[in-house]
Amino acid sequence: MKLFKYVFLTLLVAIVIGGLVPQSLHIPVRGATVNDWHQNTFWYEPWGTSGVHKGIDIFGKKGTEVLSASSGVVLFVGQANKGGKVVAVLGPKWRIHYYAHLQSYSISQGQWLSSGESIGTLGDTGNAKGKPAHLHYSILSLIPLPWCATLETQGWKKMFYLDPGKALVE
């Protein structure tokens, strides 16, 4: 019982500390502005086999530098069927920042990134092959936000997926 209390308190402290770390986001494609993505593509449907689009697509020239939108630790660098070359970064507030369709990446798993640090270049890998180069950018909250759930298709998942377009302009 003592071990359970210790583990519980440790997890609680870690969650609280992670939630208190300030988050400062910026657009993750060098030189991009809010005009480089469509404001209504987050949760747009129908969107292929995933049903709804759980992020935004920031368009640019192939090979443009992709930057970390926030500081954090790199959880994954590799290949995904739909995303092609992808990177996942655990940032403040226990949020995973997911970058997909990269042409290349210049970081490694476990690496600490500062906000604005280069993670790779814009591309068209995965299911974006043959489409204009863009970055699919999603923010996934590991802590559920039940007030964000809706009655839309897969709306319960909005507890976990945040609208990056809104987060980037706040």
Protein backbone atom coordinates (compact mmCIF):
# COMPACT_ATOMS: atom_id res chain seq x y z
CA MET A 1 0.00 0.00 0.00
CA LYS A 2 2.88 2.35 0.77
CA LEU A 3 4.40 1.70 -2.68
CA PHE A 4 1.05 2.44 -4.34
CA LYS A 5 0.81 5.81 -2.56
CA TYR A 6 4.39 6.67 -3.54
CA VAL A 7 3.81 5.79 -7.20
CA PHE A 8 0.46 7.64 -7.24
CA LEU A 9 1.96 10.79 -5.70
CA THR A 10 4.95 10.68 -8.06
CA LEU A 11 2.64 10.42 -11.08
CA LEU A 12 0.42 13.19 -9.77
CA VAL A 13 3.41 15.51 -9.24
CA ALA A 14 4.72 14.69 -12.75
CA ILE A 15 1.33 15.44 -14.31
CA VAL A 16 0.97 18.73 -12.42
CA ILE A 17 4.51 19.86 -13.27
CA GLY A 18 3.99 18.94 -16.94
CA GLY A 19 0.78 20.94 -16.96
CA LEU A 20 2.44 24.00 -15.46
CA VAL A 21 5.28 24.18 -17.99
CA PRO A 22 4.49 27.17 -20.23
CA GLN A 23 3.73 26.49 -23.85
CA SER A 24 4.68 28.93 -26.56
CA LEU A 25 3.83 27.71 -30.06
CA HIS A 26 4.85 29.03 -33.43
CA ILE A 27 4.14 27.94 -37.00
CA PRO A 28 6.35 24.89 -37.69
CA VAL A 29 7.23 25.65 -41.33
CA ARG A 30 9.92 28.28 -41.93
CA GLY A 31 8.41 31.38 -43.53
CA ALA A 32 4.81 30.10 -43.36
CA THR A 33 1.91 32.28 -42.25
CA VAL A 34 -1.70 31.54 -41.32
CA ASN A 35 -2.47 31.89 -45.04
CA ASP A 36 -0.54 28.68 -45.78
CA TRP A 37 -3.25 26.38 -44.39
CA HIS A 38 -7.02 26.31 -44.68
CA GLN A 39 -8.63 27.25 -41.35
CA ASN A 40 -11.48 24.74 -41.76
CA THR A 41 -9.50 21.55 -42.40
CA PHE A 42 -9.22 20.52 -38.75
CA TRP A 43 -11.88 17.88 -38.19
CA TYR A 44 -12.98 18.14 -41.83
CA GLU A 45 -14.86 15.10 -43.13
CA PRO A 46 -14.90 12.87 -45.05
CA TRP A 47 -11.15 12.42 -44.89
CA GLY A 48 -10.07 9.09 -46.33
CA THR A 49 -9.84 6.06 -44.07
CA SER A 50 -9.36 8.16 -40.92
CA GLY A 51 -12.86 9.67 -41.30
CA VAL A 52 -11.91 13.16 -40.12
CA HIS A 53 -8.77 15.24 -40.52
CA LYS A 54 -7.20 15.50 -37.06
CA GLY A 55 -4.71 18.25 -37.87
CA ILE A 56 -3.86 20.94 -40.38
CA ASP A 57 -1.81 20.81 -43.57
CA ILE A 58 0.69 23.65 -43.87
CA PHE A 59 1.77 24.04 -47.49
CA GLY A 60 5.12 25.23 -48.79
CA LYS A 61 7.95 24.51 -51.17
CA LYS A 62 9.38 20.99 -50.99
CA GLY A 63 12.57 21.05 -48.94
CA THR A 64 11.54 24.03 -46.79
CA GLU A 65 12.77 23.71 -43.22
CA VAL A 66 10.31 22.27 -40.68
CA LEU A 67 10.74 23.62 -37.14
CA SER A 68 9.66 22.31 -33.76
CA ALA A 69 6.50 24.22 -32.84
CA SER A 70 7.38 23.91 -29.14
CA SER A 71 10.17 22.70 -26.94
CA GLY A 72 10.13 19.03 -25.95
CA VAL A 73 11.68 15.60 -26.22
CA VAL A 74 11.59 13.59 -29.45
CA LEU A 75 9.56 10.43 -28.86
CA PHE A 76 9.62 8.99 -32.38
CA VAL A 77 11.42 9.50 -35.66
CA GLY A 78 10.59 7.11 -38.49
CA GLN A 79 8.07 5.83 -41.00
CA ALA A 80 4.28 5.55 -40.74
CA ASN A 81 1.97 4.20 -43.45
CA LYS A 82 -0.16 7.31 -43.93
CA GLY A 83 2.27 9.90 -42.58
CA GLY A 84 5.39 8.76 -44.43
CA LYS A 85 8.41 10.21 -42.66
CA VAL A 86 7.13 11.40 -39.28
CA VAL A 87 8.35 12.91 -36.02
CA ALA A 88 6.52 12.97 -32.66
CA VAL A 89 7.63 15.38 -29.92
CA LEU A 90 6.35 15.43 -26.33
CA GLY A 91 5.97 19.08 -25.40
CA PRO A 92 4.59 21.12 -22.49
CA LYS A 93 1.19 20.29 -20.99
CA TRP A 94 1.67 16.59 -21.89
CA ARG A 95 0.95 17.25 -25.56
CA ILE A 96 2.41 15.31 -28.46
CA HIS A 97 3.22 17.37 -31.54
CA TYR A 98 3.03 15.19 -34.65
CA TYR A 99 4.78 16.18 -37.88
CA ALA A 100 4.08 14.08 -41.02
CA HIS A 101 4.96 13.89 -44.73
CA LEU A 102 8.54 15.07 -44.15
CA GLN A 103 11.06 14.77 -46.97
CA SER A 104 13.83 14.26 -44.40
CA TYR A 105 14.51 14.60 -40.69
CA SER A 106 17.61 15.85 -38.91
CA ILE A 107 16.96 14.74 -35.33
CA SER A 108 17.00 11.53 -33.33
CA GLN A 109 14.77 9.83 -30.79
CA GLY A 110 15.35 11.01 -27.22
CA GLN A 111 16.80 14.34 -28.32
CA TRP A 112 15.68 17.54 -26.59
CA LEU A 113 14.39 20.23 -28.96
CA SER A 114 14.06 23.90 -28.30
CA SER A 115 11.13 25.74 -29.81
CA GLY A 116 12.04 26.74 -33.37
CA GLU A 117 14.79 24.13 -33.75
CA SER A 118 14.97 22.34 -37.11
CA ILE A 119 13.48 18.85 -37.26
CA GLY A 120 13.62 18.23 -41.01
CA THR A 121 12.27 19.36 -44.36
CA LEU A 122 8.85 19.64 -45.99
CA GLY A 123 7.88 16.83 -48.32
CA ASP A 124 5.15 14.61 -49.75
CA THR A 125 5.81 11.19 -48.20
CA GLY A 126 3.19 8.65 -47.13
CA ASN A 127 -0.32 9.19 -48.47
CA ALA A 128 0.70 12.69 -49.64
CA LYS A 129 2.81 11.23 -52.48
CA GLY A 130 2.16 13.17 -55.68
CA LYS A 131 0.32 15.98 -53.86
CA PRO A 132 1.73 19.46 -53.18
CA ALA A 133 4.41 19.41 -50.47
CA HIS A 134 3.00 20.08 -47.02
CA LEU A 135 3.37 19.34 -43.34
CA HIS A 136 0.53 17.55 -41.59
CA TYR A 137 0.68 18.96 -38.06
CA SER A 138 -1.39 17.57 -35.17
CA ILE A 139 -1.45 18.19 -31.44
CA LEU A 140 -2.53 15.28 -29.25
CA SER A 141 -3.22 15.85 -25.54
CA LEU A 142 -2.31 12.92 -23.29
CA ILE A 143 -4.54 14.43 -20.59
CA PRO A 144 -8.20 14.24 -21.75
CA LEU A 145 -10.03 17.55 -22.10
CA PRO A 146 -13.68 16.36 -21.86
CA TRP A 147 -15.14 19.85 -22.42
CA CYS A 148 -13.72 19.73 -25.96
CA ALA A 149 -15.78 16.67 -26.98
CA THR A 150 -18.59 17.24 -29.48
CA LEU A 151 -21.38 15.28 -31.16
CA GLU A 152 -19.61 15.46 -34.55
CA THR A 153 -18.24 12.34 -36.24
CA GLN A 154 -15.61 10.94 -33.84
CA GLY A 155 -16.29 14.04 -31.72
CA TRP A 156 -15.33 12.23 -28.53
CA LYS A 157 -11.73 12.19 -29.85
CA LYS A 158 -11.68 15.99 -29.66
CA MET A 159 -10.88 15.44 -25.98
CA PHE A 160 -7.44 14.47 -27.19
CA TYR A 161 -6.90 16.26 -30.53
CA LEU A 162 -6.50 20.02 -30.34
CA ASP A 163 -6.95 22.35 -33.30
CA PRO A 164 -3.38 23.36 -34.21
CA GLY A 165 -4.63 26.25 -36.35
CA LYS A 166 -6.24 27.89 -33.33
CA ALA A 167 -3.31 27.07 -31.05
CA LEU A 168 -0.82 28.64 -33.46
CA VAL A 169 -2.64 31.98 -33.68
CA GLU A 170 -3.42 32.41 -29.96
